[in-house]
Amino acid sequence: MRGSGDHDQTVRVWYQGSLLEMGAGFHWTYTGLPREEEVAALVALEERDVITPWDIPFAEYRGRRADGTRWRFLGYFGQTIRYETKSGAAAAYFDRIIDSLCWTHS
């Protein structure tokens, strides 16, 4: 599903009741980073930088909550890709979508 407002655009993918959301726009995010309260709620966290073919660095965070919810976030000024789900199948499906976007790791 696609959406747009005056200053942003989103693409949402639903799979087995879980949501992957990609958003971009001037007012979408000013930092490209996840909210502090999201990160604080994680019991496991991995962080790294990924680079697009256009040499744009994104911050990537992957984590897990105490209840087993899987969480992934990639961000850059004005753009984010994110999901959180308890479904391992949905997480794997969303990871394949994200990983198909031609990232390299630094």
N, C-alpha and C. Protein backbone atom coordinates (compact mmCIF):
# COMPACT_ATOMS: atom_id res chain seq x y z
N MET A 1 0.84 -1.16 0.00
CA MET A 1 0.00 0.00 0.00
C MET A 1 0.89 1.24 0.00
N ARG A 2 0.56 2.18 -0.83
CA ARG A 2 1.33 3.43 -0.90
C ARG A 2 0.48 4.57 -0.36
N GLY A 3 1.17 5.55 0.20
CA GLY A 3 0.49 6.74 0.69
C GLY A 3 1.38 7.94 0.49
N SER A 4 0.78 9.11 0.51
CA SER A 4 1.59 10.32 0.42
C SER A 4 0.84 11.47 1.06
N GLY A 5 1.62 12.38 1.57
CA GLY A 5 1.09 13.60 2.14
C GLY A 5 1.75 14.77 1.44
N ASP A 6 1.62 15.92 2.04
CA ASP A 6 2.24 17.11 1.45
C ASP A 6 3.75 17.03 1.45
N HIS A 7 4.32 16.34 2.44
CA HIS A 7 5.77 16.36 2.59
C HIS A 7 6.41 14.98 2.70
N ASP A 8 5.63 13.91 2.57
CA ASP A 8 6.22 12.59 2.70
C ASP A 8 5.47 11.55 1.88
N GLN A 9 6.13 10.42 1.69
CA GLN A 9 5.54 9.28 0.99
C GLN A 9 5.84 8.03 1.80
N THR A 10 4.91 7.10 1.79
CA THR A 10 5.13 5.84 2.50
C THR A 10 4.77 4.67 1.61
N VAL A 11 5.42 3.57 1.89
CA VAL A 11 5.06 2.28 1.30
C VAL A 11 4.94 1.33 2.47
N ARG A 12 3.81 0.64 2.56
CA ARG A 12 3.57 -0.31 3.64
C ARG A 12 3.33 -1.68 3.04
N VAL A 13 3.97 -2.67 3.63
CA VAL A 13 3.80 -4.06 3.22
C VAL A 13 3.27 -4.83 4.43
N TRP A 14 2.10 -5.43 4.29
CA TRP A 14 1.53 -6.26 5.35
C TRP A 14 1.80 -7.72 5.03
N TYR A 15 2.19 -8.49 6.04
CA TYR A 15 2.42 -9.93 5.86
C TYR A 15 2.07 -10.62 7.17
N GLN A 16 1.12 -11.52 7.11
CA GLN A 16 0.69 -12.28 8.28
C GLN A 16 0.39 -11.39 9.48
N GLY A 17 -0.28 -10.29 9.23
CA GLY A 17 -0.67 -9.38 10.30
C GLY A 17 0.42 -8.45 10.80
N SER A 18 1.60 -8.49 10.18
CA SER A 18 2.71 -7.62 10.57
C SER A 18 2.97 -6.59 9.49
N LEU A 19 3.61 -5.50 9.85
CA LEU A 19 3.78 -4.37 8.95
C LEU A 19 5.25 -3.99 8.78
N LEU A 20 5.66 -3.84 7.52
CA LEU A 20 6.93 -3.22 7.14
C LEU A 20 6.56 -1.85 6.58
N GLU A 21 7.19 -0.80 7.09
CA GLU A 21 6.89 0.54 6.63
C GLU A 21 8.15 1.23 6.15
N MET A 22 8.08 1.78 4.94
CA MET A 22 9.16 2.58 4.39
C MET A 22 8.59 3.98 4.18
N GLY A 23 9.29 4.98 4.67
CA GLY A 23 8.82 6.35 4.54
C GLY A 23 9.95 7.28 4.15
N ALA A 24 9.58 8.31 3.42
CA ALA A 24 10.58 9.30 2.99
C ALA A 24 9.90 10.65 2.83
N GLY A 25 10.67 11.67 3.10
CA GLY A 25 10.16 13.02 2.91
C GLY A 25 10.87 13.98 3.84
N PHE A 26 10.75 15.24 3.53
CA PHE A 26 11.45 16.27 4.29
C PHE A 26 11.09 16.25 5.77
N HIS A 27 9.82 16.00 6.07
CA HIS A 27 9.38 16.00 7.46
C HIS A 27 9.26 14.60 8.05
N TRP A 28 9.66 13.59 7.32
CA TRP A 28 9.50 12.21 7.81
C TRP A 28 10.38 11.95 9.04
N THR A 29 11.65 12.25 8.96
CA THR A 29 12.54 12.11 10.12
C THR A 29 13.68 13.11 9.97
N TYR A 30 14.00 13.77 11.05
CA TYR A 30 15.09 14.75 11.01
C TYR A 30 16.43 14.13 11.38
N THR A 31 16.39 13.00 12.09
CA THR A 31 17.64 12.40 12.55
C THR A 31 18.01 11.13 11.81
N GLY A 32 17.02 10.41 11.28
CA GLY A 32 17.29 9.12 10.67
C GLY A 32 17.60 8.05 11.70
N LEU A 33 17.30 8.32 12.95
CA LEU A 33 17.58 7.38 14.04
C LEU A 33 16.28 6.95 14.71
N PRO A 34 16.26 5.77 15.32
CA PRO A 34 15.06 5.33 16.03
C PRO A 34 14.85 6.16 17.29
N ARG A 35 13.62 6.15 17.78
CA ARG A 35 13.33 6.86 19.02
C ARG A 35 14.02 6.17 20.20
N GLU A 36 14.46 6.93 21.15
CA GLU A 36 15.19 6.41 22.31
C GLU A 36 14.38 5.35 23.05
N GLU A 37 13.08 5.57 23.19
CA GLU A 37 12.26 4.62 23.93
C GLU A 37 12.14 3.27 23.21
N GLU A 38 12.25 3.28 21.89
CA GLU A 38 12.25 2.02 21.15
C GLU A 38 13.51 1.22 21.46
N VAL A 39 14.64 1.87 21.42
CA VAL A 39 15.91 1.21 21.68
C VAL A 39 16.00 0.76 23.14
N ALA A 40 15.52 1.58 24.05
CA ALA A 40 15.59 1.25 25.47
C ALA A 40 14.78 0.00 25.81
N ALA A 41 13.76 -0.31 25.03
CA ALA A 41 12.90 -1.46 25.29
C ALA A 41 13.48 -2.77 24.77
N LEU A 42 14.65 -2.73 24.13
CA LEU A 42 15.24 -3.93 23.55
C LEU A 42 16.14 -4.65 24.56
N VAL A 43 16.14 -5.99 24.49
CA VAL A 43 17.04 -6.77 25.34
C VAL A 43 18.27 -7.21 24.56
N ALA A 44 18.20 -7.12 23.24
CA ALA A 44 19.34 -7.43 22.37
C ALA A 44 19.35 -6.39 21.26
N LEU A 45 20.53 -5.91 20.91
CA LEU A 45 20.63 -4.86 19.89
C LEU A 45 21.93 -5.01 19.12
N GLU A 46 21.83 -4.94 17.80
CA GLU A 46 23.00 -4.87 16.91
C GLU A 46 22.89 -3.58 16.12
N GLU A 47 24.01 -2.94 15.90
CA GLU A 47 24.03 -1.68 15.15
C GLU A 47 25.15 -1.72 14.14
N ARG A 48 24.90 -1.20 12.94
CA ARG A 48 25.94 -1.08 11.93
C ARG A 48 25.52 -0.03 10.91
N ASP A 49 26.45 0.38 10.09
CA ASP A 49 26.17 1.28 8.99
C ASP A 49 26.05 0.46 7.71
N VAL A 50 25.13 0.84 6.86
CA VAL A 50 25.01 0.24 5.54
C VAL A 50 25.05 1.36 4.52
N ILE A 51 25.54 1.06 3.33
CA ILE A 51 25.73 2.06 2.28
C ILE A 51 24.90 1.66 1.07
N THR A 52 24.18 2.63 0.51
CA THR A 52 23.44 2.37 -0.72
C THR A 52 24.39 2.45 -1.91
N PRO A 53 23.95 1.98 -3.08
CA PRO A 53 24.78 2.13 -4.29
C PRO A 53 25.07 3.59 -4.63
N TRP A 54 24.33 4.51 -4.02
CA TRP A 54 24.51 5.95 -4.28
C TRP A 54 25.37 6.58 -3.20
N ASP A 55 26.07 5.75 -2.42
CA ASP A 55 26.96 6.19 -1.35
C ASP A 55 26.26 6.98 -0.23
N ILE A 56 25.02 6.63 0.03
CA ILE A 56 24.29 7.24 1.14
C ILE A 56 24.36 6.29 2.33
N PRO A 57 24.91 6.73 3.45
CA PRO A 57 25.01 5.85 4.62
C PRO A 57 23.71 5.82 5.43
N PHE A 58 23.22 4.66 5.71
CA PHE A 58 22.07 4.47 6.58
C PHE A 58 22.54 3.82 7.88
N ALA A 59 21.92 4.17 8.98
CA ALA A 59 22.15 3.50 10.26
C ALA A 59 21.17 2.33 10.34
N GLU A 60 21.70 1.15 10.66
CA GLU A 60 20.84 -0.02 10.79
C GLU A 60 20.88 -0.51 12.23
N TYR A 61 19.72 -0.81 12.76
CA TYR A 61 19.57 -1.37 14.10
C TYR A 61 18.67 -2.59 14.00
N ARG A 62 19.09 -3.68 14.64
CA ARG A 62 18.27 -4.88 14.76
C ARG A 62 18.20 -5.24 16.23
N GLY A 63 17.03 -5.64 16.66
CA GLY A 63 16.92 -5.98 18.06
C GLY A 63 15.77 -6.93 18.35
N ARG A 64 15.67 -7.26 19.63
CA ARG A 64 14.63 -8.15 20.12
C ARG A 64 14.15 -7.64 21.46
N ARG A 65 12.85 -7.66 21.65
CA ARG A 65 12.27 -7.28 22.93
C ARG A 65 12.19 -8.52 23.84
N ALA A 66 11.95 -8.30 25.12
CA ALA A 66 11.87 -9.41 26.08
C ALA A 66 10.77 -10.40 25.71
N ASP A 67 9.71 -9.94 25.06
CA ASP A 67 8.61 -10.84 24.68
C ASP A 67 8.86 -11.59 23.38
N GLY A 68 10.06 -11.42 22.79
CA GLY A 68 10.41 -12.11 21.55
C GLY A 68 10.14 -11.32 20.29
N THR A 69 9.55 -10.14 20.41
CA THR A 69 9.29 -9.31 19.23
C THR A 69 10.60 -8.96 18.55
N ARG A 70 10.64 -9.15 17.24
CA ARG A 70 11.82 -8.79 16.44
C ARG A 70 11.61 -7.39 15.89
N TRP A 71 12.68 -6.63 15.87
CA TRP A 71 12.59 -5.22 15.49
C TRP A 71 13.78 -4.89 14.60
N ARG A 72 13.53 -4.18 13.52
CA ARG A 72 14.61 -3.73 12.63
C ARG A 72 14.29 -2.33 12.15
N PHE A 73 15.33 -1.51 12.07
CA PHE A 73 15.18 -0.11 11.68
C PHE A 73 16.39 0.28 10.85
N LEU A 74 16.15 0.93 9.72
CA LEU A 74 17.21 1.57 8.94
C LEU A 74 16.80 3.01 8.73
N GLY A 75 17.73 3.94 8.90
CA GLY A 75 17.35 5.34 8.77
C GLY A 75 18.46 6.22 8.26
N TYR A 76 18.03 7.31 7.68
CA TYR A 76 18.87 8.38 7.15
C TYR A 76 18.00 9.63 7.20
N PHE A 77 18.58 10.79 7.19
CA PHE A 77 17.78 12.02 7.21
C PHE A 77 16.66 11.94 6.18
N GLY A 78 15.43 12.00 6.63
CA GLY A 78 14.29 12.01 5.74
C GLY A 78 13.80 10.65 5.28
N GLN A 79 14.44 9.55 5.69
CA GLN A 79 14.04 8.23 5.21
C GLN A 79 14.19 7.18 6.30
N THR A 80 13.21 6.28 6.39
CA THR A 80 13.33 5.15 7.30
C THR A 80 12.68 3.92 6.68
N ILE A 81 13.14 2.78 7.13
CA ILE A 81 12.53 1.48 6.84
C ILE A 81 12.48 0.77 8.18
N ARG A 82 11.31 0.18 8.53
CA ARG A 82 11.20 -0.40 9.86
C ARG A 82 10.14 -1.48 9.92
N TYR A 83 10.33 -2.39 10.85
CA TYR A 83 9.27 -3.32 11.22
C TYR A 83 9.48 -3.77 12.65
N GLU A 84 8.43 -4.28 13.25
CA GLU A 84 8.52 -5.03 14.49
C GLU A 84 7.42 -6.07 14.44
N THR A 85 7.79 -7.30 14.79
CA THR A 85 6.85 -8.40 14.69
C THR A 85 7.24 -9.54 15.62
N LYS A 86 6.25 -10.28 16.08
CA LYS A 86 6.52 -11.50 16.85
C LYS A 86 6.66 -12.71 15.94
N SER A 87 6.29 -12.56 14.68
CA SER A 87 6.32 -13.66 13.73
C SER A 87 7.70 -13.81 13.09
N GLY A 88 8.32 -14.97 13.29
CA GLY A 88 9.60 -15.23 12.63
C GLY A 88 9.47 -15.26 11.12
N ALA A 89 8.34 -15.76 10.62
CA ALA A 89 8.12 -15.81 9.18
C ALA A 89 8.00 -14.40 8.60
N ALA A 90 7.28 -13.53 9.30
CA ALA A 90 7.14 -12.14 8.83
C ALA A 90 8.48 -11.43 8.87
N ALA A 91 9.26 -11.63 9.94
CA ALA A 91 10.58 -11.00 10.04
C ALA A 91 11.47 -11.46 8.88
N ALA A 92 11.46 -12.74 8.58
CA ALA A 92 12.28 -13.26 7.47
C ALA A 92 11.82 -12.68 6.14
N TYR A 93 10.52 -12.57 5.95
CA TYR A 93 9.97 -11.99 4.72
C TYR A 93 10.39 -10.53 4.58
N PHE A 94 10.24 -9.76 5.65
CA PHE A 94 10.63 -8.35 5.61
C PHE A 94 12.14 -8.20 5.43
N ASP A 95 12.92 -9.05 6.08
CA ASP A 95 14.37 -8.99 5.91
C ASP A 95 14.77 -9.22 4.45
N ARG A 96 14.09 -10.14 3.77
CA ARG A 96 14.39 -10.36 2.34
C ARG A 96 14.09 -9.12 1.51
N ILE A 97 13.00 -8.45 1.83
CA ILE A 97 12.68 -7.20 1.12
C ILE A 97 13.75 -6.16 1.37
N ILE A 98 14.07 -5.93 2.63
CA ILE A 98 15.08 -4.92 2.98
C ILE A 98 16.43 -5.27 2.36
N ASP A 99 16.84 -6.53 2.47
CA ASP A 99 18.15 -6.93 1.98
C ASP A 99 18.24 -6.90 0.45
N SER A 100 17.11 -6.87 -0.22
CA SER A 100 17.12 -6.79 -1.69
C SER A 100 17.37 -5.38 -2.19
N LEU A 101 17.50 -4.42 -1.30
CA LEU A 101 17.65 -3.01 -1.69
C LEU A 101 19.10 -2.61 -2.00
N CYS A 102 19.97 -3.58 -2.18
CA CYS A 102 21.33 -3.33 -2.67
C CYS A 102 22.23 -2.62 -1.67
N TRP A 103 22.15 -2.97 -0.40
CA TRP A 103 23.02 -2.39 0.60
C TRP A 103 24.40 -3.02 0.54
N THR A 104 25.40 -2.31 0.97
CA THR A 104 26.69 -2.90 1.31
C THR A 104 26.96 -2.54 2.76
N HIS A 105 27.81 -3.27 3.42
CA HIS A 105 28.03 -3.07 4.85
C HIS A 105 29.40 -2.44 5.07
N SER A 106 29.46 -1.55 6.02
CA SER A 106 30.74 -0.93 6.35
C SER A 106 31.14 -1.25 7.75
